[in-house]
Each structure stands twice: as structure tokens, then as C-alpha cells.
N, C-alpha and C. Protein backbone atom coordinates (compact mmCIF):
# COMPACT_ATOMS: atom_id res chain seq x y z
N MET A 1 4.69 26.18 -37.94
CA MET A 1 5.45 25.17 -37.71
C MET A 1 5.83 24.68 -36.08
N GLY A 2 5.27 23.90 -35.53
CA GLY A 2 5.22 23.72 -33.81
C GLY A 2 6.86 23.35 -33.51
N LEU A 3 7.15 23.03 -32.10
CA LEU A 3 8.39 22.09 -32.41
C LEU A 3 8.58 20.64 -32.80
N PHE A 4 7.39 20.01 -32.67
CA PHE A 4 7.88 19.02 -33.40
C PHE A 4 6.92 18.92 -34.89
N GLY A 5 7.48 17.73 -35.99
CA GLY A 5 6.77 17.42 -36.84
C GLY A 5 5.88 15.97 -36.58
N ASN A 6 4.90 16.04 -37.85
CA ASN A 6 4.02 15.30 -37.42
C ASN A 6 4.72 13.59 -36.63
N ARG A 7 5.69 13.25 -37.08
CA ARG A 7 6.21 11.63 -36.93
C ARG A 7 6.63 11.61 -35.63
N GLU A 8 7.16 13.04 -35.15
CA GLU A 8 7.87 13.17 -33.32
C GLU A 8 6.09 12.76 -32.44
N LYS A 9 5.32 14.16 -33.48
CA LYS A 9 3.99 14.17 -32.57
C LYS A 9 3.48 12.96 -32.04
N LYS A 10 3.47 11.94 -33.07
CA LYS A 10 2.46 10.53 -32.96
C LYS A 10 3.29 9.53 -32.02
N ILE A 11 4.64 9.96 -32.23
CA ILE A 11 5.25 9.30 -31.57
C ILE A 11 5.58 9.60 -29.78
N ILE A 12 5.54 11.06 -29.71
CA ILE A 12 5.03 11.25 -28.36
C ILE A 12 3.69 11.06 -27.89
N GLU A 13 2.36 10.74 -28.74
CA GLU A 13 1.60 10.17 -28.47
C GLU A 13 1.09 9.05 -28.02
N GLU A 14 1.79 8.12 -28.94
CA GLU A 14 2.10 6.62 -28.22
C GLU A 14 2.84 6.78 -26.87
N LEU A 15 4.20 7.16 -27.12
CA LEU A 15 4.31 6.99 -25.39
C LEU A 15 3.39 7.46 -24.41
N HIS A 16 2.49 8.25 -24.37
CA HIS A 16 1.68 9.33 -23.65
C HIS A 16 0.70 8.12 -23.64
N LYS A 17 0.11 7.76 -24.26
CA LYS A 17 -0.90 6.44 -24.14
C LYS A 17 -0.32 5.32 -23.51
N LYS A 18 1.01 4.62 -24.01
CA LYS A 18 1.13 3.50 -23.44
C LYS A 18 1.70 3.97 -22.10
N SER A 19 2.53 4.85 -21.94
CA SER A 19 2.74 5.04 -19.97
C SER A 19 1.58 5.27 -19.41
N GLU A 20 0.23 6.28 -20.12
CA GLU A 20 -0.64 6.07 -18.66
C GLU A 20 -1.68 4.95 -18.84
N ASP A 21 -1.55 4.07 -19.78
CA ASP A 21 -2.14 2.88 -19.96
C ASP A 21 -1.36 1.90 -18.70
N HIS A 22 0.07 1.99 -18.40
CA HIS A 22 1.12 1.45 -17.48
C HIS A 22 0.66 2.06 -16.12
N CYS A 23 0.34 3.21 -15.88
CA CYS A 23 0.36 3.89 -14.55
C CYS A 23 -1.49 3.15 -14.27
N LYS A 24 -2.30 3.67 -15.28
CA LYS A 24 -3.61 3.29 -14.59
C LYS A 24 -3.58 1.76 -14.45
N GLU A 25 -3.09 0.68 -14.78
CA GLU A 25 -3.00 -0.46 -14.69
C GLU A 25 -2.16 -0.65 -13.07
N ILE A 26 -1.38 0.05 -13.03
CA ILE A 26 -0.31 -0.09 -12.01
C ILE A 26 -0.90 0.40 -10.74
N SER A 27 -1.47 1.65 -11.07
CA SER A 27 -2.58 2.35 -9.57
C SER A 27 -4.07 1.30 -9.30
N LYS A 28 -4.05 0.57 -10.49
CA LYS A 28 -5.63 0.20 -10.27
C LYS A 28 -5.20 -1.85 -9.31
N GLU A 29 -4.07 -2.12 -9.82
CA GLU A 29 -3.67 -2.77 -9.09
C GLU A 29 -3.62 -2.64 -7.40
N ILE A 30 -2.80 -1.34 -7.36
CA ILE A 30 -1.78 -1.16 -6.10
C ILE A 30 -3.66 -0.95 -5.03
N ASP A 31 -4.56 -0.54 -5.85
CA ASP A 31 -6.07 0.18 -5.22
C ASP A 31 -6.23 -1.15 -4.87
N GLU A 32 -6.19 -2.50 -6.07
CA GLU A 32 -6.66 -3.69 -4.93
C GLU A 32 -6.17 -4.17 -4.35
N LEU A 33 -4.74 -4.10 -4.46
CA LEU A 33 -4.16 -4.95 -3.26
C LEU A 33 -4.28 -4.40 -1.51
N LEU A 34 -4.05 -2.76 -2.16
CA LEU A 34 -4.59 -1.85 -0.17
C LEU A 34 -5.79 -2.45 0.44
N ASP A 35 -7.16 -2.38 -1.04
CA ASP A 35 -8.24 -2.50 -0.24
C ASP A 35 -7.57 -3.99 0.67
N GLU A 36 -7.47 -5.01 -0.54
CA GLU A 36 -7.47 -6.28 0.21
C GLU A 36 -6.81 -6.66 1.46
N LEU A 37 -5.90 -5.33 1.69
CA LEU A 37 -4.76 -5.40 2.66
C LEU A 37 -5.49 -5.17 3.52
N LYS A 38 -6.40 -4.01 3.42
CA LYS A 38 -6.88 -2.95 4.56
C LYS A 38 -8.40 -4.07 5.14
N THR A 39 -8.85 -4.86 4.21
CA THR A 39 -10.16 -5.75 4.29
C THR A 39 -9.54 -6.64 5.78
N ASP A 40 -8.35 -7.44 5.56
CA ASP A 40 -7.33 -8.41 6.17
C ASP A 40 -7.38 -7.91 7.43
N TYR A 41 -6.46 -6.56 7.35
CA TYR A 41 -5.97 -5.61 8.93
C TYR A 41 -7.42 -5.66 9.42
N ASN A 42 -8.47 -5.16 8.81
CA ASN A 42 -9.88 -4.65 9.77
C ASN A 42 -10.29 -6.19 10.58
N GLU A 43 -10.36 -7.10 9.59
CA GLU A 43 -10.90 -8.18 9.96
C GLU A 43 -10.32 -9.06 11.09
N ASN A 44 -8.78 -8.84 11.71
CA ASN A 44 -8.07 -9.61 12.28
C ASN A 44 -7.44 -8.47 13.21
N ARG A 45 -7.91 -7.17 13.62
CA ARG A 45 -7.40 -6.45 14.65
C ARG A 45 -7.37 -6.47 15.24
N GLU A 46 -8.53 -7.24 16.14
CA GLU A 46 -8.78 -7.33 17.61
C GLU A 46 -8.40 -8.76 18.08
N VAL A 47 -8.20 -9.65 16.96
CA VAL A 47 -7.30 -10.94 17.64
C VAL A 47 -6.18 -10.71 18.95
N VAL A 48 -5.18 -9.54 18.37
CA VAL A 48 -4.33 -9.44 19.65
C VAL A 48 -4.89 -8.90 21.05
N LYS A 49 -5.91 -7.81 20.89
CA LYS A 49 -6.56 -7.55 22.18
C LYS A 49 -7.13 -9.37 23.08
N GLU A 50 -7.84 -9.78 22.09
CA GLU A 50 -8.47 -10.79 22.34
C GLU A 50 -7.44 -11.88 23.10
N PHE A 51 -6.27 -12.10 22.23
CA PHE A 51 -5.53 -13.21 23.30
C PHE A 51 -4.84 -12.52 24.50
N SER A 52 -4.42 -11.04 24.43
CA SER A 52 -4.43 -10.64 25.52
C SER A 52 -5.28 -10.94 26.55
N SER A 53 -6.37 -10.53 26.63
CA SER A 53 -7.46 -10.92 27.58
C SER A 53 -7.52 -12.73 27.56
N PHE A 54 -6.84 -12.99 26.74
CA PHE A 54 -7.07 -14.60 26.98
C PHE A 54 -5.77 -15.04 28.07
N VAL A 55 -4.51 -14.41 27.45
CA VAL A 55 -3.53 -14.25 28.45
C VAL A 55 -3.68 -14.02 29.98
N ASP A 56 -4.16 -13.34 30.36
CA ASP A 56 -4.29 -12.86 31.16
C ASP A 56 -5.04 -13.53 32.08
N GLU A 57 -6.32 -14.21 31.62
CA GLU A 57 -7.09 -15.31 32.28
C GLU A 57 -5.55 -16.58 32.58
N LEU A 58 -5.01 -17.16 31.66
CA LEU A 58 -4.43 -18.05 32.05
C LEU A 58 -3.30 -17.75 32.64
N LYS A 59 -2.68 -16.56 32.47
CA LYS A 59 -1.55 -16.55 33.53
C LYS A 59 -1.57 -17.07 35.03
N THR A 60 -2.23 -17.00 35.41
CA THR A 60 -2.67 -17.48 36.94
C THR A 60 -2.53 -19.14 37.47
N LYS A 61 -3.31 -19.49 36.12
CA LYS A 61 -2.72 -20.94 36.03
C LYS A 61 -1.99 -21.30 35.49
N LEU A 62 -1.24 -21.09 35.27
CA LEU A 62 0.44 -21.79 34.67
C LEU A 62 1.14 -21.62 36.04
N SER A 63 2.01 -22.30 35.58
CA SER A 63 3.57 -21.94 36.32
C SER A 63 3.84 -20.59 35.63
N PRO A 64 4.96 -20.02 36.76
CA PRO A 64 5.40 -18.54 36.30
C PRO A 64 6.10 -18.51 35.60
N GLU A 65 6.77 -20.01 34.73
CA GLU A 65 7.87 -19.91 33.33
C GLU A 65 7.11 -19.99 32.22
N ASP A 66 6.03 -20.56 32.37
CA ASP A 66 4.72 -20.84 31.20
C ASP A 66 4.10 -19.65 31.42
N ALA A 67 3.66 -18.78 32.35
CA ALA A 67 3.00 -17.64 31.91
C ALA A 67 4.21 -16.61 31.59
N ASN A 68 5.41 -16.93 31.94
CA ASN A 68 6.33 -15.44 31.02
C ASN A 68 6.86 -15.64 29.42
N LYS A 69 6.55 -17.40 29.17
CA LYS A 69 6.81 -17.87 27.59
C LYS A 69 5.40 -16.74 27.16
N LEU A 70 4.56 -17.23 27.91
CA LEU A 70 3.33 -17.13 27.17
C LEU A 70 2.81 -15.24 27.41
N LEU A 71 3.47 -14.09 28.38
CA LEU A 71 3.43 -13.08 28.13
C LEU A 71 4.83 -12.59 26.69
N ASP A 72 5.59 -13.08 26.51
CA ASP A 72 6.84 -12.91 25.98
C ASP A 72 5.94 -12.99 24.02
N PHE A 73 5.23 -14.57 24.31
CA PHE A 73 4.19 -14.46 22.90
C PHE A 73 3.47 -13.27 22.92
N SER A 74 2.85 -12.96 23.47
CA SER A 74 1.91 -11.63 23.52
C SER A 74 2.57 -10.31 23.20
N ARG A 75 3.88 -10.58 23.69
CA ARG A 75 4.10 -8.84 23.33
C ARG A 75 4.50 -9.26 21.70
N ARG A 76 5.30 -10.21 21.58
CA ARG A 76 5.84 -10.37 19.94
C ARG A 76 4.47 -10.59 19.07
N LEU A 77 3.41 -11.15 19.49
CA LEU A 77 2.47 -10.98 18.74
C LEU A 77 2.16 -9.41 18.51
N SER A 78 1.87 -8.42 19.38
CA SER A 78 1.83 -6.89 19.41
C SER A 78 2.57 -6.41 18.00
N LYS A 79 3.63 -6.81 18.12
CA LYS A 79 4.85 -6.62 17.22
C LYS A 79 4.51 -6.67 16.05
N VAL A 80 3.72 -7.46 16.06
CA VAL A 80 3.26 -8.09 14.05
C VAL A 80 2.09 -7.67 14.01
N LYS A 81 1.17 -6.89 14.68
CA LYS A 81 0.45 -6.19 14.41
C LYS A 81 0.75 -4.51 14.18
N ARG A 82 1.78 -4.45 14.99
CA ARG A 82 1.80 -3.19 14.27
C ARG A 82 2.51 -3.39 12.91
N CYS A 83 3.55 -4.02 12.80
CA CYS A 83 4.45 -4.71 11.03
C CYS A 83 2.57 -4.44 10.03
N ALA A 84 1.90 -4.90 10.79
CA ALA A 84 0.89 -5.21 9.66
C ALA A 84 0.08 -3.71 9.26
N LYS A 85 0.04 -2.89 10.68
CA LYS A 85 -0.40 -1.61 10.05
C LYS A 85 0.33 -0.99 10.18
N LYS A 86 1.75 -0.83 9.83
CA LYS A 86 2.52 -0.05 9.21
C LYS A 86 2.35 -0.06 7.72
N GLY A 87 1.95 -1.71 7.54
CA GLY A 87 2.08 -1.78 6.13
C GLY A 87 0.75 -1.90 5.36
N VAL A 88 0.10 -2.02 6.03
CA VAL A 88 -1.68 -1.08 5.25
C VAL A 88 -1.50 0.27 5.20
N GLU A 89 -0.82 1.25 6.32
CA GLU A 89 0.01 2.57 6.08
C GLU A 89 0.87 3.04 4.41
N ALA A 90 1.60 2.07 4.35
CA ALA A 90 2.92 1.91 3.28
C ALA A 90 2.19 1.53 2.31
N MET A 91 1.07 1.28 2.27
CA MET A 91 0.51 0.81 1.00
C MET A 91 -0.44 1.93 0.74
N ARG A 92 -1.05 2.50 1.57
CA ARG A 92 -1.76 3.90 1.06
C ARG A 92 -0.65 5.17 0.63
N GLU A 93 0.00 5.02 1.35
CA GLU A 93 1.22 5.96 0.49
C GLU A 93 1.59 5.63 -0.71
N LEU A 94 1.91 4.69 -0.70
CA LEU A 94 1.97 4.19 -2.41
C LEU A 94 1.14 4.21 -3.56
N ALA A 95 -0.11 4.27 -2.87
CA ALA A 95 -1.49 4.34 -3.72
C ALA A 95 -1.28 5.90 -3.97
N ARG A 96 -1.14 6.59 -2.81
CA ARG A 96 -1.12 8.01 -3.08
C ARG A 96 0.19 9.09 -3.95
N ASP A 97 0.85 8.10 -3.67
CA ASP A 97 2.09 8.23 -4.72
C ASP A 97 1.90 7.75 -5.65
N GLN A 98 1.75 6.58 -6.17
CA GLN A 98 1.43 6.40 -7.72
C GLN A 98 0.87 7.45 -8.58
N ARG A 99 -0.99 7.56 -7.78
CA ARG A 99 -1.74 8.68 -8.52
C ARG A 99 -1.62 10.12 -8.71
N LYS A 100 -0.25 10.85 -7.98
CA LYS A 100 0.40 11.83 -7.85
C LYS A 100 1.72 11.88 -9.17
N VAL A 101 2.08 10.32 -9.36
CA VAL A 101 3.43 10.26 -10.14
C VAL A 101 2.61 10.36 -11.88
N THR A 102 1.50 9.35 -11.42
CA THR A 102 0.36 9.57 -12.80
C THR A 102 0.11 10.78 -13.41
N ARG A 103 -0.36 11.52 -12.94
CA ARG A 103 -0.93 12.69 -13.15
C ARG A 103 0.49 13.76 -13.61
N GLU A 104 1.39 13.75 -12.82
CA GLU A 104 2.52 14.64 -13.32
C GLU A 104 3.07 13.86 -14.87
N THR A 105 2.79 12.75 -14.77
CA THR A 105 3.76 12.13 -16.32
C THR A 105 2.75 12.45 -17.24
N SER A 106 1.82 12.86 -17.26
CA SER A 106 0.77 12.68 -17.90
C SER A 106 0.36 14.46 -18.55
N MET A 107 0.64 15.08 -17.79
CA MET A 107 0.96 16.46 -17.27
C MET A 107 2.20 17.58 -18.34
N GLU A 108 3.34 16.24 -18.13
CA GLU A 108 4.11 16.66 -19.30
C GLU A 108 4.63 16.13 -19.70
N TYR A 109 3.67 15.04 -20.59
CA TYR A 109 3.62 14.73 -21.57
C TYR A 109 2.64 15.71 -22.31
N GLU A 110 1.62 16.03 -21.93
CA GLU A 110 0.86 16.97 -22.28
C GLU A 110 1.69 18.32 -22.80
N GLU A 111 2.46 18.50 -22.01
CA GLU A 111 2.82 20.26 -21.81
C GLU A 111 3.79 19.95 -23.42
N TYR A 112 4.63 18.74 -23.62
CA TYR A 112 5.66 18.90 -24.67
C TYR A 112 4.71 18.56 -26.17
N PHE A 113 3.65 17.78 -25.69
CA PHE A 113 2.84 17.70 -26.89
C PHE A 113 2.61 18.72 -27.57
N TYR A 114 1.86 19.48 -26.59
CA TYR A 114 1.20 20.98 -26.86
C TYR A 114 1.71 22.07 -27.42
N MET A 115 3.44 21.84 -27.00
CA MET A 115 4.26 22.79 -27.24
C MET A 115 4.50 23.72 -28.84
N LYS A 116 3.98 25.06 -28.56
CA LYS A 116 4.46 25.00 -30.43
C LYS A 116 5.09 26.64 -30.64
């Protein structure tokens, strides 16, 4: 007889199944959000460059004070772009980590379940 009786094995199997289902659902949701975030980022990644070009055109037509305000706004917009890029990278890492934890958890359940 193994380490676990039939009752315990059944409980472990149920926990394994439930845990696996939760992990797959979370992974699927993370992957969907990552795809959406990457798509949105890629669609808008050139906006800052285009805006900077527009600022360069406009600043000669504006008063020095207004040109400085516009340049400041342009710099802050560049920071928003960096934040968005970091968000995409963080989501990618989260997706990778979730897959890794899912595999490890599944292996641990199988290890305990098949212990004899």
C-alpha cells in the first residue's frame, strides 16, 4: 500500500484538478491581457515620435513661454511611453512566471500522488 489511501488519493486528485483548472484560467486571462496590451502599445508606439516632430515644427511659431510649455509636455508624454513599455514588459514577465508556477505546482501534485 502506498503512502496515501484511496480517500486521500481522491482528495489529492481533486485538488490537483482544481488547481490545474485555476492555473490554466489565470494563464489564459494573462495571455489575453498581454496580447491586448501589446496590440494597443504597438498601435500607438509612434505617437510620441510624431508628436515630437510636430512640437519641433510648432515651437518656432510660438512664444518662448508657450514653446517651453509644449516641450515640457512632450517630455512628460515620453515618460508615459516609457511607463507603457514597462507595463508590457511586466505583463510578459507575469505570463512567463505564471506558466512556470503552473508547471511546478502540477509536478508537485503528481509527485505526492504517485508516491508509493
